[in-house]
């Protein structure tokens, strides 16, 4: 007697065809939707809450990007892309005088990592901008440790000390520091001791300061 194979059972699903399709649709709905109604409700509520928060959340405050030093930079550095990085400041909190395009400019004083590049940190085409009636004079301060404490914009008195007699004379008052050039490599010897500082002097102070720089020892005193 030949065996006959039974047809495979009909696959039950929401789209399967047959006379009992409405019943299968109801069973599929109960099994896949109604049984997970709590999860679906929670998901819908979460999406609605997220949409509400996005609608009522305040817009982020405006910001400004400022160029700062990417690492510690000495005075005399000619700024390149690798020396700088951008930092975001809240609108209105960026340092005054922040430069937007300082590439190629030369630092007049050292710049710490993260410090903004401002106009007072750069050598301008004319060192004496903002110093009418004065001239720029390089002087060598005998104590390099004292010179390292100086910053561009400091106001100092210049004192001349005679090593033979010990006499001390004030040769310039209220001199403004306008530049702190870096020392060239390999500088040594008594004649090159100390540190060069560029100061803004009156015309009457140029001669005594120049003589003191050559013949005596100069030091600085912060006047204010």
Protein backbone atom coordinates (compact mmCIF):
# COMPACT_ATOMS: atom_id res chain seq x y z
CA UNK A 1 0.00 0.00 0.00
CA UNK A 2 1.56 3.27 -1.07
CA UNK A 3 2.07 5.81 1.66
CA UNK A 4 0.80 9.31 1.17
CA UNK A 5 2.49 12.30 2.79
CA UNK A 6 0.44 14.84 4.57
CA UNK A 7 0.78 18.49 3.48
CA UNK A 8 2.84 20.68 5.77
CA UNK A 9 0.83 22.60 8.28
CA UNK A 10 -0.13 26.08 7.26
CA UNK A 11 2.22 28.75 8.64
CA UNK A 12 0.29 30.90 10.97
CA UNK A 13 0.88 34.63 10.68
CA UNK A 14 -0.97 37.88 10.21
CA UNK A 15 -0.62 37.69 6.41
CA UNK A 16 -1.34 33.97 5.85
CA UNK A 17 -4.42 33.32 3.76
CA UNK A 18 -7.40 31.11 4.54
CA UNK A 19 -10.90 31.17 5.86
CA UNK A 20 -9.74 31.58 9.45
CA UNK A 21 -7.44 34.53 8.70
CA UNK A 22 -9.37 36.97 10.99
CA UNK A 23 -8.90 34.58 13.90
CA UNK A 24 -5.19 34.24 13.20
CA UNK A 25 -4.90 38.03 13.05
CA UNK A 26 -6.52 38.36 16.44
CA UNK A 27 -4.21 35.69 17.95
CA UNK A 28 -1.12 37.37 16.43
CA UNK A 29 -2.21 40.76 17.77
CA UNK A 30 -2.72 39.38 21.28
CA UNK A 31 0.58 37.50 21.18
CA UNK A 32 2.84 40.27 19.79
CA UNK A 33 1.16 43.52 20.71
CA UNK A 34 -1.25 43.18 23.59
CA UNK A 35 1.15 41.01 25.60
CA UNK A 36 3.78 43.78 25.38
CA UNK A 37 1.45 46.71 25.79
CA UNK A 38 3.14 47.96 28.97
CA UNK A 39 6.54 48.05 27.30
CA UNK A 40 5.07 49.78 24.27
CA UNK A 41 3.26 52.34 26.42
CA UNK A 42 6.45 53.05 28.35
CA UNK A 43 8.37 53.45 25.12
CA UNK A 44 5.79 55.86 23.72
CA UNK A 45 5.80 57.89 26.94
CA UNK A 46 9.60 58.06 26.88
CA UNK A 47 9.64 59.27 23.29
CA UNK A 48 7.00 61.89 24.11
CA UNK A 49 8.99 63.11 27.14
CA UNK A 50 12.17 63.29 25.09
CA UNK A 51 10.41 65.33 22.44
CA UNK A 52 9.05 67.68 25.09
CA UNK A 53 12.48 68.19 26.67
CA UNK A 54 14.06 68.93 23.29
CA UNK A 55 11.33 71.48 22.65
CA UNK A 56 11.61 73.36 25.96
CA UNK A 57 15.39 73.02 26.48
CA UNK A 58 17.14 76.41 26.14
CA UNK A 59 19.50 76.93 23.24
CA UNK A 60 23.19 76.60 24.11
CA UNK A 61 24.80 79.92 25.05
CA UNK A 62 26.81 81.66 22.32
CA UNK A 63 30.56 81.10 22.37
CA UNK A 64 33.73 82.53 20.85
CA UNK A 65 36.82 80.61 19.78
CA UNK A 66 40.16 82.06 20.88
CA UNK A 67 43.68 81.13 19.80
CA UNK A 68 45.86 80.07 22.74
CA UNK A 69 49.36 78.67 23.08
CA UNK A 70 49.51 74.93 22.48
CA UNK A 71 52.60 74.69 24.72
CA UNK A 72 54.93 76.96 26.68
CA UNK A 73 56.45 79.43 24.20
CA UNK A 74 59.51 81.62 24.88
CA UNK A 75 59.82 85.26 23.94
CA UNK A 76 60.98 85.69 20.37
CA UNK A 77 58.95 82.75 19.02
CA UNK A 78 57.61 83.32 15.51
CA UNK A 79 54.16 81.79 15.74
CA UNK A 80 53.20 78.88 13.48
CA UNK A 81 50.16 76.56 13.26
CA UNK A 82 51.81 74.03 15.60
CA UNK A 83 52.22 76.68 18.32
CA UNK A 84 48.50 77.47 18.56
CA UNK A 85 45.20 75.77 19.33
CA UNK A 86 41.58 76.93 19.61
CA UNK A 87 39.76 77.16 22.94
CA UNK A 88 36.04 77.94 23.34
CA UNK A 89 35.05 80.80 25.65
CA UNK A 90 31.54 81.80 26.68
CA UNK A 91 30.49 84.94 24.81
CA UNK A 92 31.85 87.99 26.61
CA UNK A 93 34.54 86.17 28.62
CA UNK A 94 37.32 86.03 26.02
CA UNK A 95 40.47 88.01 26.95
CA UNK A 96 40.62 91.57 25.66
CA UNK A 97 42.84 92.01 22.64
CA UNK A 98 42.69 88.34 21.59
CA UNK A 99 44.27 87.95 18.15
CA UNK A 100 42.43 86.19 15.34
CA UNK A 101 45.37 85.82 12.93
CA UNK A 102 48.72 85.96 14.76
CA UNK A 103 50.55 83.52 12.44
CA UNK A 104 53.99 84.83 11.61
CA UNK A 105 53.96 87.35 14.48
CA UNK A 106 56.77 87.31 17.05
CA UNK A 107 56.17 86.99 20.77
CA UNK A 108 57.41 89.94 22.79
CA UNK A 109 57.25 87.93 26.02
CA UNK A 110 56.87 84.29 27.08
CA UNK A 111 53.46 82.64 26.70
CA UNK A 112 52.25 79.80 28.91
CA UNK A 113 50.37 76.80 27.51
CA UNK A 114 46.67 77.69 27.33
CA UNK A 115 47.29 81.45 27.54
CA UNK A 116 45.50 83.53 24.92
CA UNK A 117 47.51 85.31 22.23
CA UNK A 118 46.69 88.98 22.84
CA UNK A 119 47.98 92.16 21.25
CA UNK A 120 50.29 93.01 24.18
CA UNK A 121 52.10 89.69 23.76
CA UNK A 122 53.21 90.42 20.20
CA UNK A 123 55.92 92.59 18.75
CA UNK A 124 54.25 95.24 16.62
CA UNK A 125 55.82 96.80 13.53
CA UNK A 126 56.58 99.79 15.74
CA UNK A 127 57.59 98.96 19.30
CA UNK A 128 56.79 102.48 20.37
CA UNK A 129 53.11 102.43 19.46
CA UNK A 130 51.39 103.89 22.49
CA UNK A 131 54.59 105.50 23.87
CA UNK A 132 54.67 109.01 22.36
CA UNK A 133 57.73 111.08 23.17
CA UNK A 134 59.85 108.04 24.04
CA UNK A 135 62.37 105.85 22.23
CA UNK A 136 63.14 102.13 22.52
CA UNK A 137 66.55 101.36 24.03
CA UNK A 138 67.98 97.87 24.65
CA UNK A 139 69.73 97.59 28.00
CA UNK A 140 71.43 94.65 29.67
CA UNK A 141 70.20 93.98 33.19
CA UNK A 142 73.02 92.41 35.18
CA UNK A 143 70.84 90.00 37.16
CA UNK A 144 69.16 87.56 34.72
CA UNK A 145 66.93 86.19 37.50
CA UNK A 146 65.48 89.67 38.05
CA UNK A 147 65.09 90.17 34.29
CA UNK A 148 63.17 86.88 34.02
CA UNK A 149 60.54 88.34 36.36
CA UNK A 150 59.84 91.18 33.94
CA UNK A 151 56.84 91.19 31.63
CA UNK A 152 56.06 93.42 28.68
CA UNK A 153 54.15 96.43 30.01
CA UNK A 154 55.91 96.55 33.39
CA UNK A 155 57.01 99.98 34.59
CA UNK A 156 60.45 100.02 36.22
CA UNK A 157 63.19 102.35 37.42
CA UNK A 158 66.70 101.67 36.09
CA UNK A 159 69.50 101.84 38.65
CA UNK A 160 73.20 102.03 37.77
CA UNK A 161 75.73 100.56 40.21
CA UNK A 162 79.43 101.48 39.98
CA UNK A 163 81.45 98.33 40.84
CA UNK A 164 84.49 100.40 41.83
CA UNK A 165 82.85 102.81 44.27
CA UNK A 166 79.60 101.06 45.08
CA UNK A 167 77.63 104.18 44.25
CA UNK A 168 74.08 103.65 42.97
CA UNK A 169 72.34 106.15 40.71
CA UNK A 170 68.84 106.23 39.28
CA UNK A 171 69.31 106.76 35.54
CA UNK A 172 65.68 106.34 34.40
CA UNK A 173 62.33 106.47 36.09
CA UNK A 174 59.03 104.89 35.04
CA UNK A 175 60.58 103.15 32.04
CA UNK A 176 58.08 100.89 30.28
CA UNK A 177 59.25 97.39 29.25
CA UNK A 178 58.34 97.03 25.56
CA UNK A 179 60.15 93.79 24.60
CA UNK A 180 62.02 90.84 26.10
CA UNK A 181 64.09 89.40 23.24
CA UNK A 182 65.48 85.88 23.68
CA UNK A 183 69.17 85.44 24.33
CA UNK A 184 71.08 83.94 21.38
CA UNK A 185 72.55 80.49 21.88
CA UNK A 186 76.12 80.31 23.08
CA UNK A 187 76.28 83.71 24.81
CA UNK A 188 78.94 83.68 27.53
CA UNK A 189 81.58 85.89 29.10
CA UNK A 190 81.57 88.81 31.52
CA UNK A 191 80.65 91.31 28.79
CA UNK A 192 77.54 89.32 27.90
CA UNK A 193 76.30 88.52 31.40
CA UNK A 194 72.73 89.35 32.34
CA UNK A 195 69.71 89.70 30.10
CA UNK A 196 68.75 92.20 27.39
CA UNK A 197 65.56 94.17 28.03
CA UNK A 198 64.08 96.78 25.66
CA UNK A 199 62.65 99.77 27.52
CA UNK A 200 60.89 102.97 26.46
CA UNK A 201 62.91 106.00 27.63
CA UNK A 202 62.59 109.74 27.33
CA UNK A 203 65.16 111.45 25.12
CA UNK A 204 66.91 112.89 28.20
CA UNK A 205 67.36 109.41 29.69
CA UNK A 206 68.96 107.79 26.64
CA UNK A 207 72.50 109.10 27.21
CA UNK A 208 72.91 108.30 30.94
CA UNK A 209 71.32 104.88 30.48
CA UNK A 210 73.57 104.06 27.51
CA UNK A 211 76.70 105.13 29.43
CA UNK A 212 75.63 103.11 32.46
CA UNK A 213 74.98 100.06 30.27
CA UNK A 214 78.55 100.17 28.91
CA UNK A 215 80.51 101.23 32.01
CA UNK A 216 78.48 100.05 34.99
CA UNK A 217 75.89 97.50 36.08
CA UNK A 218 72.19 98.05 35.55
CA UNK A 219 69.39 96.63 37.64
CA UNK A 220 65.66 97.27 37.80
CA UNK A 221 63.21 98.28 40.49
CA UNK A 222 59.46 97.95 39.91
CA UNK A 223 58.17 101.49 40.31
CA UNK A 224 54.41 100.66 40.30
